[in-house]
Amino acid sequence: MAEFSRNGCLDHWCTKAMRSKIEPLKNRRSPSDPDAKIAKMKDGRTHLAHKVEHAVDMETTALVAVTLQGADQGDTTTIWNTVATASE
């Protein structure tokens, strides 16, 4: 009889791709960038990424601040960091 592993697939049939679909997304880490967070793309896929926010002076159209935020945070929570950086 076939043995099932703890992730629910047959040991001899499991491939790396199958195991990666089973493991929780929150446990994924980028080996080249451990600070990257999970971002959901418009088409529904997920990627490990960062979110860059920038503030522009409307009169001069000059870039006054650039901040790097976690991709797992919403715009309404990270805007205050960008505003504070722009006001300095």
N, C-alpha and C. Protein backbone atom coordinates (compact mmCIF):
# COMPACT_ATOMS: atom_id res chain seq x y z
N MET A 1 0.84 -1.18 0.00
CA MET A 1 0.00 0.00 0.00
C MET A 1 0.89 1.25 0.00
N ALA A 2 0.45 2.26 -0.69
CA ALA A 2 1.24 3.50 -0.81
C ALA A 2 1.24 4.26 0.51
N GLU A 3 2.35 4.89 0.79
CA GLU A 3 2.48 5.70 2.00
C GLU A 3 2.24 7.17 1.66
N PHE A 4 1.44 7.82 2.48
CA PHE A 4 1.21 9.25 2.31
C PHE A 4 2.12 10.01 3.25
N SER A 5 2.68 11.10 2.75
CA SER A 5 3.51 11.94 3.61
C SER A 5 2.61 12.89 4.38
N ARG A 6 3.19 13.67 5.28
CA ARG A 6 2.37 14.56 6.11
C ARG A 6 1.74 15.70 5.31
N ASN A 7 2.27 16.00 4.11
CA ASN A 7 1.66 17.05 3.31
C ASN A 7 0.55 16.53 2.39
N GLY A 8 0.23 15.24 2.49
CA GLY A 8 -0.93 14.71 1.82
C GLY A 8 -0.72 14.13 0.44
N CYS A 9 0.51 13.99 -0.02
CA CYS A 9 0.72 13.41 -1.34
C CYS A 9 1.55 12.14 -1.22
N LEU A 10 1.48 11.33 -2.23
CA LEU A 10 2.26 10.10 -2.24
C LEU A 10 3.74 10.44 -2.31
N ASP A 11 4.53 9.82 -1.44
CA ASP A 11 5.95 10.14 -1.39
C ASP A 11 6.64 9.94 -2.73
N HIS A 12 6.35 8.85 -3.41
CA HIS A 12 7.06 8.61 -4.66
C HIS A 12 6.50 9.40 -5.84
N TRP A 13 5.36 10.03 -5.70
CA TRP A 13 4.79 10.84 -6.77
C TRP A 13 5.01 12.33 -6.56
N CYS A 14 5.35 12.74 -5.37
CA CYS A 14 5.51 14.17 -5.09
C CYS A 14 6.72 14.74 -5.82
N THR A 15 6.51 15.82 -6.47
CA THR A 15 7.60 16.56 -7.08
C THR A 15 7.75 17.85 -6.30
N LYS A 16 8.81 18.58 -6.58
CA LYS A 16 9.02 19.85 -5.89
C LYS A 16 7.87 20.81 -6.18
N ALA A 17 7.38 20.81 -7.41
CA ALA A 17 6.27 21.70 -7.78
C ALA A 17 5.01 21.36 -7.00
N MET A 18 4.73 20.08 -6.82
CA MET A 18 3.54 19.68 -6.08
C MET A 18 3.66 20.07 -4.61
N ARG A 19 4.83 19.88 -4.03
CA ARG A 19 5.03 20.23 -2.63
C ARG A 19 4.91 21.74 -2.44
N SER A 20 5.39 22.52 -3.40
CA SER A 20 5.34 23.97 -3.25
C SER A 20 3.91 24.49 -3.30
N LYS A 21 3.01 23.78 -3.97
CA LYS A 21 1.61 24.19 -3.99
C LYS A 21 0.93 23.87 -2.68
N ILE A 22 1.44 22.90 -1.97
CA ILE A 22 0.81 22.46 -0.73
C ILE A 22 1.24 23.32 0.46
N GLU A 23 2.51 23.72 0.48
CA GLU A 23 3.00 24.47 1.64
C GLU A 23 2.33 25.84 1.70
N PRO A 24 2.13 26.38 2.88
CA PRO A 24 1.47 27.68 3.01
C PRO A 24 2.30 28.79 2.38
N LEU A 25 1.61 29.74 1.77
CA LEU A 25 2.31 30.85 1.13
C LEU A 25 3.10 31.69 2.11
N LYS A 26 2.60 31.85 3.32
CA LYS A 26 3.27 32.73 4.27
C LYS A 26 4.64 32.22 4.69
N ASN A 27 4.92 30.96 4.47
CA ASN A 27 6.23 30.41 4.83
C ASN A 27 7.26 30.54 3.73
N ARG A 28 6.87 31.04 2.58
CA ARG A 28 7.82 31.16 1.48
C ARG A 28 8.77 32.33 1.71
N ARG A 29 10.01 32.12 1.36
CA ARG A 29 11.05 33.14 1.49
C ARG A 29 11.87 33.15 0.21
N SER A 30 12.31 34.32 -0.17
CA SER A 30 13.19 34.44 -1.32
C SER A 30 14.62 34.23 -0.85
N PRO A 31 15.37 33.32 -1.47
CA PRO A 31 16.75 33.11 -1.05
C PRO A 31 17.64 34.31 -1.35
N SER A 32 17.29 35.10 -2.37
CA SER A 32 18.11 36.26 -2.71
C SER A 32 17.66 37.53 -2.01
N ASP A 33 16.41 37.58 -1.52
CA ASP A 33 15.89 38.77 -0.85
C ASP A 33 14.93 38.36 0.26
N PRO A 34 15.45 38.08 1.46
CA PRO A 34 14.59 37.60 2.54
C PRO A 34 13.57 38.63 3.04
N ASP A 35 13.73 39.92 2.68
CA ASP A 35 12.78 40.94 3.11
C ASP A 35 11.56 41.04 2.20
N ALA A 36 11.56 40.36 1.07
CA ALA A 36 10.44 40.41 0.14
C ALA A 36 9.20 39.79 0.78
N LYS A 37 8.06 40.38 0.49
CA LYS A 37 6.78 39.91 1.02
C LYS A 37 5.89 39.42 -0.12
N ILE A 38 4.84 38.70 0.22
CA ILE A 38 3.94 38.15 -0.79
C ILE A 38 3.02 39.25 -1.31
N ALA A 39 3.03 39.42 -2.63
CA ALA A 39 2.16 40.40 -3.28
C ALA A 39 1.21 39.66 -4.21
N LYS A 40 -0.06 40.03 -4.17
CA LYS A 40 -1.04 39.44 -5.07
C LYS A 40 -1.12 40.31 -6.31
N MET A 41 -0.93 39.69 -7.46
CA MET A 41 -0.95 40.41 -8.73
C MET A 41 -2.39 40.57 -9.21
N LYS A 42 -2.59 41.42 -10.23
CA LYS A 42 -3.93 41.69 -10.74
C LYS A 42 -4.61 40.44 -11.30
N ASP A 43 -3.82 39.52 -11.84
CA ASP A 43 -4.40 38.31 -12.42
C ASP A 43 -4.60 37.20 -11.39
N GLY A 44 -4.34 37.49 -10.11
CA GLY A 44 -4.59 36.53 -9.04
C GLY A 44 -3.38 35.73 -8.60
N ARG A 45 -2.30 35.76 -9.38
CA ARG A 45 -1.09 35.04 -8.98
C ARG A 45 -0.39 35.79 -7.85
N THR A 46 0.52 35.12 -7.18
CA THR A 46 1.29 35.75 -6.12
C THR A 46 2.77 35.72 -6.46
N HIS A 47 3.47 36.75 -6.01
CA HIS A 47 4.92 36.85 -6.19
C HIS A 47 5.52 37.43 -4.92
N LEU A 48 6.77 37.13 -4.68
CA LEU A 48 7.51 37.78 -3.60
C LEU A 48 8.02 39.10 -4.15
N ALA A 49 7.70 40.21 -3.47
CA ALA A 49 8.03 41.52 -4.02
C ALA A 49 8.10 42.57 -2.93
N HIS A 50 8.46 43.77 -3.34
CA HIS A 50 8.41 44.98 -2.51
C HIS A 50 7.45 45.95 -3.19
N LYS A 51 7.05 46.97 -2.45
CA LYS A 51 6.19 48.00 -3.02
C LYS A 51 6.90 49.34 -2.85
N VAL A 52 7.15 50.01 -3.95
CA VAL A 52 7.80 51.32 -3.91
C VAL A 52 6.73 52.39 -3.99
N GLU A 53 6.77 53.33 -3.05
CA GLU A 53 5.84 54.46 -3.07
C GLU A 53 6.65 55.73 -3.24
N HIS A 54 6.10 56.67 -3.98
CA HIS A 54 6.79 57.94 -4.17
C HIS A 54 5.81 59.09 -4.00
N ALA A 55 6.35 60.24 -3.56
CA ALA A 55 5.55 61.44 -3.38
C ALA A 55 6.09 62.51 -4.31
N VAL A 56 5.19 63.23 -4.96
CA VAL A 56 5.57 64.24 -5.95
C VAL A 56 4.99 65.59 -5.53
N ASP A 57 5.81 66.64 -5.63
CA ASP A 57 5.34 68.01 -5.40
C ASP A 57 4.51 68.41 -6.62
N MET A 58 3.25 68.73 -6.41
CA MET A 58 2.34 69.00 -7.52
C MET A 58 2.67 70.29 -8.26
N GLU A 59 3.28 71.27 -7.59
CA GLU A 59 3.60 72.54 -8.26
C GLU A 59 4.81 72.40 -9.18
N THR A 60 5.84 71.74 -8.70
CA THR A 60 7.07 71.64 -9.48
C THR A 60 7.23 70.29 -10.17
N THR A 61 6.36 69.37 -9.87
CA THR A 61 6.42 67.97 -10.34
C THR A 61 7.75 67.31 -9.99
N ALA A 62 8.35 67.76 -8.91
CA ALA A 62 9.60 67.17 -8.44
C ALA A 62 9.30 66.00 -7.51
N LEU A 63 10.11 64.99 -7.60
CA LEU A 63 10.00 63.84 -6.71
C LEU A 63 10.57 64.23 -5.35
N VAL A 64 9.75 64.18 -4.30
CA VAL A 64 10.20 64.64 -2.98
C VAL A 64 10.46 63.51 -1.99
N ALA A 65 9.92 62.31 -2.25
CA ALA A 65 10.16 61.19 -1.34
C ALA A 65 9.93 59.87 -2.05
N VAL A 66 10.75 58.89 -1.68
CA VAL A 66 10.59 57.53 -2.17
C VAL A 66 10.74 56.60 -0.97
N THR A 67 9.78 55.72 -0.77
CA THR A 67 9.86 54.76 0.33
C THR A 67 9.65 53.35 -0.20
N LEU A 68 10.25 52.40 0.46
CA LEU A 68 10.11 50.99 0.12
C LEU A 68 9.29 50.33 1.22
N GLN A 69 8.15 49.77 0.83
CA GLN A 69 7.22 49.17 1.79
C GLN A 69 7.09 47.68 1.51
N GLY A 70 6.59 46.97 2.50
CA GLY A 70 6.29 45.55 2.31
C GLY A 70 5.10 45.38 1.39
N ALA A 71 5.18 44.44 0.48
CA ALA A 71 4.11 44.23 -0.49
C ALA A 71 2.86 43.65 0.15
N ASP A 72 2.96 43.16 1.37
CA ASP A 72 1.80 42.58 2.04
C ASP A 72 0.98 43.62 2.80
N GLN A 73 1.37 44.89 2.74
CA GLN A 73 0.65 45.95 3.44
C GLN A 73 -0.16 46.76 2.43
N GLY A 74 -1.31 47.24 2.85
CA GLY A 74 -2.17 48.02 1.97
C GLY A 74 -1.70 49.45 1.84
N ASP A 75 -2.15 50.11 0.77
CA ASP A 75 -1.77 51.50 0.52
C ASP A 75 -2.23 52.43 1.63
N THR A 76 -3.39 52.17 2.21
CA THR A 76 -3.91 53.06 3.24
C THR A 76 -3.11 53.00 4.53
N THR A 77 -2.37 51.93 4.75
CA THR A 77 -1.54 51.84 5.95
C THR A 77 -0.13 52.37 5.72
N THR A 78 0.37 52.28 4.51
CA THR A 78 1.75 52.69 4.24
C THR A 78 1.87 54.13 3.79
N ILE A 79 0.77 54.77 3.44
CA ILE A 79 0.84 56.13 2.93
C ILE A 79 1.38 57.10 3.99
N TRP A 80 1.12 56.80 5.25
CA TRP A 80 1.56 57.71 6.31
C TRP A 80 3.08 57.74 6.43
N ASN A 81 3.75 56.63 6.17
CA ASN A 81 5.22 56.63 6.16
C ASN A 81 5.75 57.47 5.02
N THR A 82 5.11 57.39 3.88
CA THR A 82 5.54 58.18 2.72
C THR A 82 5.29 59.66 2.95
N VAL A 83 4.16 60.01 3.54
CA VAL A 83 3.85 61.42 3.84
C VAL A 83 4.84 61.97 4.85
N ALA A 84 5.17 61.20 5.88
CA ALA A 84 6.13 61.65 6.89
C ALA A 84 7.51 61.86 6.27
N THR A 85 7.92 60.98 5.38
CA THR A 85 9.21 61.12 4.72
C THR A 85 9.21 62.34 3.80
N ALA A 86 8.11 62.60 3.13
CA ALA A 86 8.02 63.75 2.23
C ALA A 86 8.03 65.07 2.98
N SER A 87 7.52 65.09 4.19
CA SER A 87 7.46 66.34 4.95
C SER A 87 8.77 66.70 5.63
N GLU A 88 9.74 65.79 5.63
CA GLU A 88 11.03 66.07 6.26
C GLU A 88 11.86 67.04 5.45
